[in-house]
């Protein structure tokens, strides 16, 4: 019971819907990019959908809510369908973080519009808080996944620049990247750099989203 009280005392009720949206968009973007590049695997697996049940891994999602670090069901990708496997795999990987940044940008436009023009009642305040949480989480998810450490998307982007021989050699040791990632997270060595980069991108996205409104002021 004490553990439950401790958990609930720091629980943010906005985090769960925000996480569901961010993770679903991210994974669906991977599948859609792969499909457009010629790989039908994600579509045949039912992953080209915004239904979160198809994308969320229960254990990974619970850990994401409790510990701030988790995972989703990986979208199946078969690089044999790609015309240029290294390039297309990198594009497929990049689609996930890019979708998170795009989501943040679109939600910031809605957020700014509501903040400027909507009446400040209870419903609007709840919506604003949910939008803020989703924007911050989505941007953070995008930044985190760009880390060049396997199995994150950034590693696949980085690997695409390697010569073919080095590329396939690195792939053989890809499974050890998860251990490196756990160590980095456990000791907190990447927390501050990630926070700085997330803040920089959030500021840039906010300025871009705010620009249309500033024209009419």
N, C-alpha and C. Protein backbone atom coordinates (compact mmCIF):
# COMPACT_ATOMS: atom_id res chain seq x y z
N UNK A 1 0.83 -1.20 0.00
CA UNK A 1 0.00 0.00 0.00
C UNK A 1 0.86 1.26 0.00
N UNK A 2 1.97 1.23 0.76
CA UNK A 2 2.87 2.38 0.79
C UNK A 2 3.47 2.65 -0.58
N UNK A 3 3.81 1.57 -1.31
CA UNK A 3 4.37 1.74 -2.65
C UNK A 3 3.34 2.38 -3.57
N UNK A 4 2.09 1.99 -3.42
CA UNK A 4 1.03 2.57 -4.24
C UNK A 4 0.90 4.06 -3.95
N UNK A 5 0.95 4.43 -2.66
CA UNK A 5 0.85 5.85 -2.29
C UNK A 5 2.01 6.65 -2.86
N UNK A 6 3.21 6.07 -2.80
CA UNK A 6 4.39 6.76 -3.34
C UNK A 6 4.24 6.98 -4.83
N UNK A 7 3.76 5.93 -5.52
CA UNK A 7 3.57 6.03 -6.97
C UNK A 7 2.53 7.09 -7.31
N UNK A 8 1.40 7.05 -6.61
CA UNK A 8 0.32 7.98 -6.91
C UNK A 8 0.67 9.42 -6.54
N UNK A 9 1.54 9.59 -5.56
CA UNK A 9 1.89 10.95 -5.13
C UNK A 9 2.65 11.70 -6.22
N UNK A 10 3.38 10.95 -7.07
CA UNK A 10 4.11 11.59 -8.16
C UNK A 10 3.50 11.32 -9.51
N UNK A 11 2.28 10.77 -9.51
CA UNK A 11 1.65 10.38 -10.77
C UNK A 11 1.05 11.59 -11.47
N UNK A 12 1.33 11.71 -12.74
CA UNK A 12 0.77 12.77 -13.56
C UNK A 12 -0.34 12.16 -14.42
N UNK A 13 -1.60 12.53 -14.17
CA UNK A 13 -2.71 11.91 -14.92
C UNK A 13 -2.68 12.20 -16.41
N UNK A 14 -1.95 13.24 -16.81
CA UNK A 14 -1.86 13.57 -18.23
C UNK A 14 -0.85 12.70 -18.96
N UNK A 15 0.00 12.02 -18.21
CA UNK A 15 1.10 11.30 -18.84
C UNK A 15 0.62 10.12 -19.68
N UNK A 16 -0.37 9.38 -19.19
CA UNK A 16 -0.82 8.18 -19.91
C UNK A 16 -1.40 8.51 -21.28
N UNK A 17 -2.40 9.42 -21.39
CA UNK A 17 -2.90 9.73 -22.74
C UNK A 17 -1.83 10.35 -23.64
N UNK A 18 -0.94 11.16 -23.03
CA UNK A 18 0.13 11.76 -23.83
C UNK A 18 1.06 10.68 -24.36
N UNK A 19 1.43 9.73 -23.51
CA UNK A 19 2.32 8.65 -23.93
C UNK A 19 1.68 7.77 -24.99
N UNK A 20 0.40 7.50 -24.85
CA UNK A 20 -0.31 6.68 -25.83
C UNK A 20 -0.26 7.33 -27.20
N UNK A 21 -0.52 8.63 -27.26
CA UNK A 21 -0.51 9.36 -28.53
C UNK A 21 0.89 9.38 -29.13
N UNK A 22 1.88 9.73 -28.33
CA UNK A 22 3.26 9.88 -28.83
C UNK A 22 3.82 8.56 -29.36
N UNK A 23 3.63 7.49 -28.60
CA UNK A 23 4.15 6.19 -29.00
C UNK A 23 3.45 5.67 -30.25
N UNK A 24 2.13 5.85 -30.30
CA UNK A 24 1.35 5.37 -31.45
C UNK A 24 1.77 6.08 -32.73
N UNK A 25 1.88 7.40 -32.67
CA UNK A 25 2.29 8.18 -33.84
C UNK A 25 3.69 7.76 -34.29
N UNK A 26 4.58 7.60 -33.34
CA UNK A 26 5.97 7.24 -33.64
C UNK A 26 6.06 5.90 -34.38
N UNK A 27 5.41 4.89 -33.85
CA UNK A 27 5.49 3.56 -34.45
C UNK A 27 4.76 3.49 -35.78
N UNK A 28 3.62 4.14 -35.87
CA UNK A 28 2.88 4.15 -37.13
C UNK A 28 3.69 4.82 -38.23
N UNK A 29 4.44 5.86 -37.87
CA UNK A 29 5.27 6.57 -38.85
C UNK A 29 6.35 5.66 -39.41
N UNK A 30 6.95 4.82 -38.56
CA UNK A 30 7.94 3.85 -39.04
C UNK A 30 7.31 2.95 -40.11
N UNK A 31 6.15 2.39 -39.77
CA UNK A 31 5.50 1.46 -40.68
C UNK A 31 5.09 2.12 -41.99
N UNK A 32 4.60 3.36 -41.90
CA UNK A 32 4.16 4.07 -43.10
C UNK A 32 5.34 4.38 -44.01
N UNK A 33 6.45 4.82 -43.41
CA UNK A 33 7.65 5.13 -44.21
C UNK A 33 8.15 3.88 -44.92
N UNK A 34 8.22 2.77 -44.20
CA UNK A 34 8.67 1.52 -44.80
C UNK A 34 7.74 1.11 -45.94
N UNK A 35 6.44 1.28 -45.73
CA UNK A 35 5.47 0.91 -46.76
C UNK A 35 5.65 1.75 -48.02
N UNK A 36 5.86 3.04 -47.85
CA UNK A 36 6.04 3.93 -49.00
C UNK A 36 7.35 3.64 -49.73
N UNK A 37 8.29 3.03 -49.03
CA UNK A 37 9.57 2.68 -49.65
C UNK A 37 9.57 1.27 -50.22
N UNK A 38 8.41 0.62 -50.19
CA UNK A 38 8.28 -0.67 -50.85
C UNK A 38 8.13 -1.88 -49.95
N UNK A 39 8.20 -1.69 -48.63
CA UNK A 39 8.11 -2.83 -47.71
C UNK A 39 6.68 -2.95 -47.16
N UNK A 40 5.94 -3.99 -47.53
CA UNK A 40 4.56 -4.15 -47.07
C UNK A 40 4.43 -4.88 -45.74
N UNK A 41 5.57 -5.19 -45.08
CA UNK A 41 5.54 -6.02 -43.87
C UNK A 41 4.69 -5.40 -42.78
N UNK A 42 4.87 -4.12 -42.52
CA UNK A 42 4.10 -3.46 -41.46
C UNK A 42 2.61 -3.45 -41.77
N UNK A 43 2.28 -3.23 -43.03
CA UNK A 43 0.87 -3.22 -43.42
C UNK A 43 0.25 -4.60 -43.24
N UNK A 44 0.97 -5.63 -43.66
CA UNK A 44 0.46 -7.00 -43.53
C UNK A 44 0.35 -7.42 -42.07
N UNK A 45 1.12 -6.77 -41.21
CA UNK A 45 1.09 -7.07 -39.78
C UNK A 45 0.07 -6.22 -39.03
N UNK A 46 -0.65 -5.38 -39.77
CA UNK A 46 -1.66 -4.53 -39.14
C UNK A 46 -1.10 -3.37 -38.35
N UNK A 47 0.09 -2.90 -38.73
CA UNK A 47 0.73 -1.83 -37.97
C UNK A 47 0.55 -0.45 -38.61
N UNK A 48 -0.09 -0.37 -39.76
CA UNK A 48 -0.37 0.94 -40.35
C UNK A 48 -1.71 1.43 -39.83
N UNK A 49 -1.76 1.66 -38.54
CA UNK A 49 -2.99 2.07 -37.88
C UNK A 49 -2.68 2.97 -36.70
N UNK A 50 -3.63 3.82 -36.36
CA UNK A 50 -3.49 4.68 -35.17
C UNK A 50 -4.15 4.05 -33.96
N UNK A 51 -4.47 2.77 -34.06
CA UNK A 51 -5.00 2.03 -32.91
C UNK A 51 -3.84 1.72 -31.97
N UNK A 52 -3.80 2.33 -30.79
CA UNK A 52 -2.65 2.13 -29.90
C UNK A 52 -2.45 0.70 -29.45
N UNK A 53 -3.51 -0.10 -29.45
CA UNK A 53 -3.39 -1.49 -29.02
C UNK A 53 -2.41 -2.25 -29.91
N UNK A 54 -2.32 -1.86 -31.17
CA UNK A 54 -1.44 -2.53 -32.12
C UNK A 54 0.03 -2.19 -31.90
N UNK A 55 0.28 -1.11 -31.17
CA UNK A 55 1.66 -0.62 -31.05
C UNK A 55 2.23 -0.70 -29.63
N UNK A 56 1.39 -0.67 -28.62
CA UNK A 56 1.87 -0.56 -27.25
C UNK A 56 2.20 -1.93 -26.67
N UNK A 57 3.41 -2.04 -26.15
CA UNK A 57 3.82 -3.22 -25.40
C UNK A 57 3.46 -2.99 -23.93
N UNK A 58 2.63 -3.86 -23.33
CA UNK A 58 2.15 -3.60 -21.96
C UNK A 58 3.27 -3.37 -20.94
N UNK A 59 4.27 -4.24 -20.94
CA UNK A 59 5.37 -4.10 -19.97
C UNK A 59 6.17 -2.84 -20.25
N UNK A 60 6.49 -2.62 -21.52
CA UNK A 60 7.25 -1.42 -21.88
C UNK A 60 6.51 -0.15 -21.53
N UNK A 61 5.19 -0.16 -21.70
CA UNK A 61 4.40 1.04 -21.41
C UNK A 61 4.31 1.29 -19.91
N UNK A 62 4.14 0.22 -19.13
CA UNK A 62 4.09 0.38 -17.66
C UNK A 62 5.41 0.94 -17.16
N UNK A 63 6.53 0.44 -17.68
CA UNK A 63 7.83 0.96 -17.27
C UNK A 63 8.00 2.42 -17.69
N UNK A 64 7.46 2.75 -18.86
CA UNK A 64 7.53 4.14 -19.32
C UNK A 64 6.81 5.06 -18.35
N UNK A 65 5.65 4.63 -17.86
CA UNK A 65 4.86 5.44 -16.93
C UNK A 65 5.53 5.52 -15.56
N UNK A 66 6.07 4.38 -15.10
CA UNK A 66 6.65 4.33 -13.75
C UNK A 66 8.07 4.88 -13.71
N UNK A 67 8.91 4.43 -14.65
CA UNK A 67 10.33 4.74 -14.60
C UNK A 67 10.77 5.81 -15.60
N UNK A 68 9.89 6.16 -16.53
CA UNK A 68 10.26 7.16 -17.54
C UNK A 68 11.06 6.58 -18.69
N UNK A 69 11.23 5.26 -18.70
CA UNK A 69 11.94 4.60 -19.79
C UNK A 69 11.20 3.31 -20.12
N UNK A 70 10.82 3.16 -21.40
CA UNK A 70 10.09 1.97 -21.79
C UNK A 70 10.24 1.74 -23.28
N UNK A 71 9.34 0.96 -23.84
CA UNK A 71 9.44 0.65 -25.27
C UNK A 71 8.06 0.29 -25.79
N UNK A 72 7.95 0.29 -27.12
CA UNK A 72 6.73 -0.14 -27.79
C UNK A 72 7.03 -1.41 -28.58
N UNK A 73 6.00 -1.99 -29.17
CA UNK A 73 6.22 -3.14 -30.05
C UNK A 73 6.98 -2.67 -31.29
N UNK A 74 8.13 -3.23 -31.57
CA UNK A 74 8.88 -2.79 -32.76
C UNK A 74 8.11 -3.09 -34.04
N UNK A 75 8.08 -2.12 -34.94
CA UNK A 75 7.42 -2.32 -36.23
C UNK A 75 8.27 -3.23 -37.09
N UNK A 76 7.71 -4.32 -37.61
CA UNK A 76 8.50 -5.23 -38.45
C UNK A 76 8.87 -4.57 -39.77
N UNK A 77 10.15 -4.63 -40.10
CA UNK A 77 10.66 -4.06 -41.35
C UNK A 77 11.55 -5.09 -42.02
N UNK A 78 11.34 -5.30 -43.29
CA UNK A 78 12.16 -6.24 -44.07
C UNK A 78 12.91 -5.44 -45.13
N UNK A 79 14.19 -5.21 -44.88
CA UNK A 79 14.99 -4.36 -45.77
C UNK A 79 15.19 -4.97 -47.15
N UNK A 80 14.85 -6.24 -47.33
CA UNK A 80 15.00 -6.87 -48.64
C UNK A 80 14.04 -6.27 -49.68
N UNK A 81 13.00 -5.61 -49.19
CA UNK A 81 12.06 -4.96 -50.11
C UNK A 81 12.57 -3.60 -50.58
N UNK A 82 13.54 -3.05 -49.89
CA UNK A 82 14.02 -1.71 -50.22
C UNK A 82 14.92 -1.73 -51.44
N UNK A 83 14.82 -0.68 -52.25
CA UNK A 83 15.71 -0.56 -53.40
C UNK A 83 17.12 -0.25 -52.96
N UNK A 84 17.24 0.61 -51.96
CA UNK A 84 18.53 0.95 -51.38
C UNK A 84 18.43 0.70 -49.88
N UNK A 85 18.78 -0.51 -49.44
CA UNK A 85 18.51 -0.92 -48.05
C UNK A 85 19.03 0.04 -46.97
N UNK A 86 20.29 0.46 -47.07
CA UNK A 86 20.85 1.34 -46.04
C UNK A 86 20.12 2.68 -45.99
N UNK A 87 19.95 3.30 -47.16
CA UNK A 87 19.27 4.59 -47.22
C UNK A 87 17.84 4.50 -46.74
N UNK A 88 17.12 3.50 -47.24
CA UNK A 88 15.70 3.38 -46.92
C UNK A 88 15.47 2.98 -45.47
N UNK A 89 16.39 2.19 -44.91
CA UNK A 89 16.29 1.87 -43.49
C UNK A 89 16.50 3.11 -42.64
N UNK A 90 17.42 3.98 -43.07
CA UNK A 90 17.66 5.22 -42.35
C UNK A 90 16.44 6.14 -42.42
N UNK A 91 15.81 6.21 -43.59
CA UNK A 91 14.61 7.03 -43.74
C UNK A 91 13.48 6.49 -42.87
N UNK A 92 13.33 5.17 -42.87
CA UNK A 92 12.31 4.53 -42.04
C UNK A 92 12.55 4.83 -40.56
N UNK A 93 13.81 4.77 -40.15
CA UNK A 93 14.15 5.06 -38.75
C UNK A 93 13.89 6.52 -38.42
N UNK A 94 14.25 7.41 -39.33
CA UNK A 94 14.09 8.84 -39.10
C UNK A 94 12.62 9.24 -39.02
N UNK A 95 11.75 8.48 -39.68
CA UNK A 95 10.32 8.81 -39.71
C UNK A 95 9.72 8.87 -38.32
N UNK A 96 10.20 8.02 -37.39
CA UNK A 96 9.66 8.00 -36.04
C UNK A 96 9.91 9.31 -35.29
N UNK A 97 11.19 9.71 -35.09
CA UNK A 97 11.46 10.98 -34.43
C UNK A 97 10.87 12.18 -35.17
N UNK A 98 10.92 12.16 -36.51
CA UNK A 98 10.35 13.27 -37.27
C UNK A 98 8.85 13.42 -36.99
N UNK A 99 8.15 12.30 -36.89
CA UNK A 99 6.71 12.36 -36.61
C UNK A 99 6.45 12.96 -35.24
N UNK A 100 7.35 12.70 -34.28
CA UNK A 100 7.18 13.28 -32.95
C UNK A 100 7.39 14.79 -32.97
N UNK A 101 8.37 15.25 -33.72
CA UNK A 101 8.60 16.69 -33.82
C UNK A 101 7.45 17.37 -34.56
N UNK A 102 6.95 16.72 -35.60
CA UNK A 102 5.82 17.28 -36.34
C UNK A 102 4.58 17.33 -35.46
N UNK A 103 4.35 16.28 -34.68
CA UNK A 103 3.22 16.27 -33.74
C UNK A 103 3.34 17.41 -32.75
N UNK A 104 4.53 17.61 -32.21
CA UNK A 104 4.74 18.70 -31.26
C UNK A 104 4.43 20.06 -31.89
N UNK A 105 4.89 20.24 -33.12
CA UNK A 105 4.66 21.51 -33.83
C UNK A 105 3.16 21.76 -34.04
N UNK A 106 2.43 20.76 -34.49
CA UNK A 106 0.99 20.92 -34.74
C UNK A 106 0.23 21.17 -33.44
N UNK A 107 0.62 20.45 -32.38
CA UNK A 107 -0.05 20.65 -31.10
C UNK A 107 0.27 22.02 -30.51
N UNK A 108 1.48 22.52 -30.77
CA UNK A 108 1.84 23.87 -30.29
C UNK A 108 0.97 24.93 -30.96
N UNK A 109 0.66 24.75 -32.24
CA UNK A 109 -0.22 25.69 -32.93
C UNK A 109 -1.59 25.71 -32.26
N UNK A 110 -2.12 24.51 -31.98
CA UNK A 110 -3.42 24.42 -31.29
C UNK A 110 -3.33 25.01 -29.89
N UNK A 111 -2.24 24.73 -29.21
CA UNK A 111 -2.03 25.23 -27.86
C UNK A 111 -2.00 26.75 -27.83
N UNK A 112 -1.27 27.35 -28.73
CA UNK A 112 -1.16 28.81 -28.79
C UNK A 112 -2.51 29.43 -29.15
N UNK A 113 -3.23 28.80 -30.08
CA UNK A 113 -4.54 29.31 -30.49
C UNK A 113 -5.52 29.28 -29.31
N UNK A 114 -5.54 28.18 -28.58
CA UNK A 114 -6.43 28.08 -27.43
C UNK A 114 -6.05 29.07 -26.34
N UNK A 115 -4.75 29.21 -26.12
CA UNK A 115 -4.28 30.12 -25.08
C UNK A 115 -4.63 31.57 -25.41
N UNK A 116 -4.64 31.91 -26.69
CA UNK A 116 -4.91 33.29 -27.09
C UNK A 116 -6.39 33.61 -27.23
N UNK A 117 -7.17 32.62 -27.67
CA UNK A 117 -8.54 32.94 -28.06
C UNK A 117 -9.63 32.21 -27.27
N UNK A 118 -9.31 31.12 -26.62
CA UNK A 118 -10.35 30.35 -25.92
C UNK A 118 -10.56 30.88 -24.51
N UNK A 119 -11.81 30.80 -24.00
CA UNK A 119 -12.08 31.21 -22.62
C UNK A 119 -11.37 30.27 -21.66
N UNK A 120 -10.87 30.81 -20.56
CA UNK A 120 -10.10 29.99 -19.61
C UNK A 120 -11.03 29.34 -18.60
N UNK A 121 -11.75 28.33 -19.04
CA UNK A 121 -12.57 27.56 -18.13
C UNK A 121 -11.88 26.24 -17.79
N UNK A 122 -12.53 25.41 -16.99
CA UNK A 122 -11.91 24.18 -16.52
C UNK A 122 -11.55 23.24 -17.68
N UNK A 123 -12.45 23.11 -18.63
CA UNK A 123 -12.22 22.20 -19.76
C UNK A 123 -11.00 22.65 -20.57
N UNK A 124 -10.94 23.94 -20.86
CA UNK A 124 -9.82 24.47 -21.66
C UNK A 124 -8.50 24.29 -20.91
N UNK A 125 -8.52 24.51 -19.61
CA UNK A 125 -7.29 24.35 -18.82
C UNK A 125 -6.82 22.90 -18.85
N UNK A 126 -7.76 21.96 -18.76
CA UNK A 126 -7.40 20.54 -18.84
C UNK A 126 -6.79 20.23 -20.21
N UNK A 127 -7.40 20.75 -21.26
CA UNK A 127 -6.89 20.53 -22.62
C UNK A 127 -5.50 21.13 -22.77
N UNK A 128 -5.31 22.34 -22.25
CA UNK A 128 -4.00 22.99 -22.34
C UNK A 128 -2.92 22.18 -21.63
N UNK A 129 -3.25 21.69 -20.45
CA UNK A 129 -2.28 20.88 -19.69
C UNK A 129 -1.94 19.59 -20.44
N UNK A 130 -2.95 18.97 -21.04
CA UNK A 130 -2.72 17.75 -21.81
C UNK A 130 -1.86 18.03 -23.03
N UNK A 131 -2.12 19.14 -23.70
CA UNK A 131 -1.33 19.51 -24.88
C UNK A 131 0.13 19.78 -24.49
N UNK A 132 0.31 20.49 -23.39
CA UNK A 132 1.68 20.79 -22.94
C UNK A 132 2.44 19.51 -22.63
N UNK A 133 1.81 18.61 -21.89
CA UNK A 133 2.45 17.34 -21.55
C UNK A 133 2.79 16.54 -22.81
N UNK A 134 1.87 16.52 -23.77
CA UNK A 134 2.10 15.75 -24.99
C UNK A 134 3.22 16.36 -25.82
N UNK A 135 3.26 17.68 -25.90
CA UNK A 135 4.32 18.36 -26.66
C UNK A 135 5.69 18.06 -26.06
N UNK A 136 5.80 18.20 -24.75
CA UNK A 136 7.09 17.95 -24.08
C UNK A 136 7.51 16.49 -24.23
N UNK A 137 6.55 15.58 -24.03
CA UNK A 137 6.87 14.16 -24.12
C UNK A 137 7.21 13.75 -25.54
N UNK A 138 6.46 14.26 -26.51
CA UNK A 138 6.70 13.92 -27.91
C UNK A 138 8.07 14.41 -28.37
N UNK A 139 8.41 15.62 -27.99
CA UNK A 139 9.72 16.16 -28.35
C UNK A 139 10.83 15.37 -27.67
N UNK A 140 10.63 15.05 -26.40
CA UNK A 140 11.63 14.25 -25.69
C UNK A 140 11.80 12.87 -26.28
N UNK A 141 10.69 12.27 -26.71
CA UNK A 141 10.76 10.95 -27.34
C UNK A 141 11.52 11.01 -28.66
N UNK A 142 11.28 12.08 -29.42
CA UNK A 142 11.99 12.25 -30.68
C UNK A 142 13.49 12.41 -30.46
N UNK A 143 13.86 13.23 -29.49
CA UNK A 143 15.28 13.46 -29.19
C UNK A 143 15.94 12.18 -28.70
N UNK A 144 15.28 11.50 -27.79
CA UNK A 144 15.85 10.28 -27.21
C UNK A 144 16.11 9.23 -28.29
N UNK A 145 15.17 9.08 -29.20
CA UNK A 145 15.31 8.05 -30.23
C UNK A 145 16.36 8.40 -31.28
N UNK A 146 16.84 9.62 -31.29
CA UNK A 146 17.90 10.00 -32.22
C UNK A 146 19.29 9.68 -31.67
N UNK A 147 19.35 9.20 -30.44
CA UNK A 147 20.64 8.77 -29.90
C UNK A 147 21.23 7.66 -30.78
N UNK A 148 22.50 7.76 -31.12
CA UNK A 148 23.11 6.76 -32.01
C UNK A 148 23.51 5.49 -31.28
N UNK A 149 22.57 4.95 -30.51
CA UNK A 149 22.81 3.72 -29.75
C UNK A 149 21.71 2.72 -30.09
N UNK A 150 22.09 1.53 -30.50
CA UNK A 150 21.11 0.49 -30.81
C UNK A 150 20.36 0.09 -29.53
N UNK A 151 19.05 -0.12 -29.58
CA UNK A 151 18.21 -0.28 -30.77
C UNK A 151 17.48 0.99 -31.19
N UNK A 152 17.95 2.14 -30.75
CA UNK A 152 17.25 3.39 -31.05
C UNK A 152 17.42 3.77 -32.52
N UNK A 153 16.52 4.64 -32.99
CA UNK A 153 16.50 5.01 -34.40
C UNK A 153 17.79 5.68 -34.85
N UNK A 154 18.41 6.43 -33.95
CA UNK A 154 19.63 7.15 -34.31
C UNK A 154 20.74 6.23 -34.76
N UNK A 155 20.79 5.01 -34.22
CA UNK A 155 21.84 4.06 -34.61
C UNK A 155 21.66 3.64 -36.06
N UNK A 156 20.42 3.43 -36.48
CA UNK A 156 20.16 3.02 -37.86
C UNK A 156 20.48 4.15 -38.84
N UNK A 157 20.24 5.38 -38.39
CA UNK A 157 20.59 6.53 -39.24
C UNK A 157 22.10 6.65 -39.36
N UNK A 158 22.80 6.51 -38.24
CA UNK A 158 24.26 6.60 -38.24
C UNK A 158 24.88 5.48 -39.06
N UNK A 159 24.37 4.26 -38.89
CA UNK A 159 24.93 3.10 -39.59
C UNK A 159 24.84 3.25 -41.10
N UNK A 160 23.85 3.99 -41.57
CA UNK A 160 23.65 4.12 -43.02
C UNK A 160 24.79 4.87 -43.69
N UNK A 161 25.58 5.59 -42.91
CA UNK A 161 26.71 6.33 -43.48
C UNK A 161 27.99 5.50 -43.52
N UNK A 162 27.94 4.29 -42.97
CA UNK A 162 29.12 3.45 -42.94
C UNK A 162 29.29 2.71 -44.27
N UNK A 163 30.52 2.37 -44.63
CA UNK A 163 30.73 1.50 -45.80
C UNK A 163 30.02 0.17 -45.59
N UNK A 164 29.69 -0.50 -46.67
CA UNK A 164 28.91 -1.74 -46.58
C UNK A 164 29.52 -2.77 -45.64
N UNK A 165 30.81 -2.96 -45.74
CA UNK A 165 31.47 -3.97 -44.91
C UNK A 165 31.35 -3.62 -43.43
N UNK A 166 31.60 -2.37 -43.10
CA UNK A 166 31.48 -1.93 -41.71
C UNK A 166 30.03 -1.97 -41.25
N UNK A 167 29.13 -1.64 -42.15
CA UNK A 167 27.70 -1.62 -41.83
C UNK A 167 27.22 -2.99 -41.36
N UNK A 168 27.53 -4.02 -42.11
CA UNK A 168 27.07 -5.36 -41.76
C UNK A 168 27.83 -5.95 -40.57
N UNK A 169 29.06 -5.48 -40.36
CA UNK A 169 29.80 -5.89 -39.17
C UNK A 169 29.17 -5.31 -37.92
N UNK A 170 28.81 -4.04 -37.97
CA UNK A 170 28.18 -3.38 -36.83
C UNK A 170 26.83 -4.02 -36.51
N UNK A 171 26.10 -4.40 -37.54
CA UNK A 171 24.78 -5.01 -37.33
C UNK A 171 24.88 -6.30 -36.52
N UNK A 172 25.99 -7.01 -36.66
CA UNK A 172 26.15 -8.27 -35.93
C UNK A 172 26.27 -8.04 -34.42
N UNK A 173 26.74 -6.84 -34.05
CA UNK A 173 26.91 -6.52 -32.62
C UNK A 173 25.82 -5.58 -32.12
N UNK A 174 24.76 -5.41 -32.91
CA UNK A 174 23.71 -4.45 -32.58
C UNK A 174 23.02 -4.79 -31.26
N UNK A 175 22.92 -6.09 -30.95
CA UNK A 175 22.18 -6.49 -29.75
C UNK A 175 22.84 -6.01 -28.47
N UNK A 176 24.14 -5.70 -28.52
CA UNK A 176 24.82 -5.22 -27.32
C UNK A 176 24.54 -3.74 -27.04
N UNK A 177 23.94 -3.06 -28.01
CA UNK A 177 23.64 -1.65 -27.82
C UNK A 177 22.66 -1.42 -26.69
N UNK A 178 21.75 -2.35 -26.47
CA UNK A 178 20.76 -2.19 -25.40
C UNK A 178 21.44 -2.14 -24.03
N UNK A 179 22.49 -2.95 -23.87
CA UNK A 179 23.23 -2.95 -22.61
C UNK A 179 23.89 -1.59 -22.40
N UNK A 180 24.49 -1.06 -23.47
CA UNK A 180 25.12 0.27 -23.38
C UNK A 180 24.09 1.32 -23.02
N UNK A 181 22.91 1.22 -23.62
CA UNK A 181 21.85 2.19 -23.35
C UNK A 181 21.41 2.13 -21.89
N UNK A 182 21.26 0.94 -21.35
CA UNK A 182 20.86 0.78 -19.95
C UNK A 182 21.90 1.40 -19.02
N UNK A 183 23.17 1.19 -19.34
CA UNK A 183 24.25 1.75 -18.52
C UNK A 183 24.19 3.28 -18.55
N UNK A 184 24.01 3.85 -19.74
CA UNK A 184 23.94 5.31 -19.88
C UNK A 184 22.77 5.88 -19.09
N UNK A 185 21.65 5.19 -19.13
CA UNK A 185 20.47 5.66 -18.41
C UNK A 185 20.64 5.48 -16.90
N UNK A 186 21.21 4.36 -16.50
CA UNK A 186 21.36 4.06 -15.08
C UNK A 186 22.24 5.09 -14.37
N UNK A 187 23.35 5.45 -15.02
CA UNK A 187 24.27 6.40 -14.40
C UNK A 187 23.91 7.86 -14.71
N UNK A 188 22.88 8.07 -15.54
CA UNK A 188 22.42 9.43 -15.82
C UNK A 188 23.37 10.25 -16.67
N UNK A 189 24.22 9.59 -17.44
CA UNK A 189 25.24 10.31 -18.22
C UNK A 189 24.65 11.08 -19.40
N UNK A 190 23.46 10.71 -19.82
CA UNK A 190 22.88 11.38 -20.99
C UNK A 190 21.68 12.27 -20.62
N UNK A 191 21.35 12.33 -19.35
CA UNK A 191 20.16 13.08 -18.94
C UNK A 191 20.26 14.57 -19.28
N UNK A 192 21.36 15.17 -18.87
CA UNK A 192 21.52 16.61 -19.09
C UNK A 192 21.62 16.96 -20.58
N UNK A 193 22.45 16.24 -21.36
CA UNK A 193 22.49 16.55 -22.80
C UNK A 193 21.13 16.41 -23.47
N UNK A 194 20.37 15.38 -23.10
CA UNK A 194 19.05 15.20 -23.68
C UNK A 194 18.12 16.35 -23.31
N UNK A 195 18.20 16.79 -22.06
CA UNK A 195 17.35 17.89 -21.60
C UNK A 195 17.68 19.18 -22.35
N UNK A 196 18.98 19.43 -22.56
CA UNK A 196 19.41 20.63 -23.28
C UNK A 196 18.91 20.62 -24.72
N UNK A 197 19.10 19.48 -25.40
CA UNK A 197 18.67 19.37 -26.80
C UNK A 197 17.15 19.46 -26.90
N UNK A 198 16.45 18.81 -25.99
CA UNK A 198 14.98 18.90 -26.00
C UNK A 198 14.52 20.34 -25.82
N UNK A 199 15.16 21.07 -24.91
CA UNK A 199 14.80 22.46 -24.69
C UNK A 199 15.05 23.31 -25.93
N UNK A 200 16.17 23.06 -26.60
CA UNK A 200 16.49 23.82 -27.81
C UNK A 200 15.46 23.57 -28.90
N UNK A 201 15.10 22.30 -29.10
CA UNK A 201 14.12 21.96 -30.14
C UNK A 201 12.74 22.48 -29.78
N UNK A 202 12.36 22.37 -28.52
CA UNK A 202 11.07 22.91 -28.08
C UNK A 202 10.98 24.41 -28.34
N UNK A 203 12.06 25.13 -28.06
CA UNK A 203 12.08 26.56 -28.29
C UNK A 203 11.94 26.88 -29.78
N UNK A 204 12.65 26.12 -30.61
CA UNK A 204 12.57 26.34 -32.06
C UNK A 204 11.17 26.04 -32.59
N UNK A 205 10.57 24.95 -32.11
CA UNK A 205 9.22 24.59 -32.54
C UNK A 205 8.20 25.63 -32.08
N UNK A 206 8.38 26.12 -30.87
CA UNK A 206 7.45 27.13 -30.33
C UNK A 206 7.53 28.42 -31.14
N UNK A 207 8.74 28.84 -31.47
CA UNK A 207 8.91 30.06 -32.26
C UNK A 207 8.27 29.90 -33.65
N UNK A 208 8.43 28.72 -34.25
CA UNK A 208 7.84 28.48 -35.56
C UNK A 208 6.32 28.45 -35.48
N UNK A 209 5.78 27.82 -34.42
CA UNK A 209 4.33 27.74 -34.27
C UNK A 209 3.72 29.10 -33.92
N UNK A 210 4.49 29.93 -33.23
CA UNK A 210 4.00 31.23 -32.80
C UNK A 210 4.02 32.26 -33.92
N UNK A 211 4.85 32.01 -34.92
CA UNK A 211 5.05 33.01 -35.98
C UNK A 211 3.76 33.46 -36.67
N UNK A 212 2.87 32.53 -37.09
CA UNK A 212 1.64 33.01 -37.77
C UNK A 212 0.78 33.91 -36.90
N UNK A 213 0.79 33.66 -35.58
CA UNK A 213 -0.02 34.47 -34.69
C UNK A 213 0.58 35.85 -34.47
N UNK A 214 1.92 35.92 -34.52
CA UNK A 214 2.59 37.20 -34.31
C UNK A 214 2.34 38.19 -35.44
N UNK A 215 2.01 37.66 -36.63
CA UNK A 215 1.77 38.52 -37.79
C UNK A 215 0.54 39.41 -37.56
N UNK A 216 -0.45 38.87 -36.87
CA UNK A 216 -1.72 39.57 -36.69
C UNK A 216 -1.80 40.33 -35.38
N UNK A 217 -0.72 40.37 -34.65
CA UNK A 217 -0.73 41.12 -33.39
C UNK A 217 -0.26 42.56 -33.59
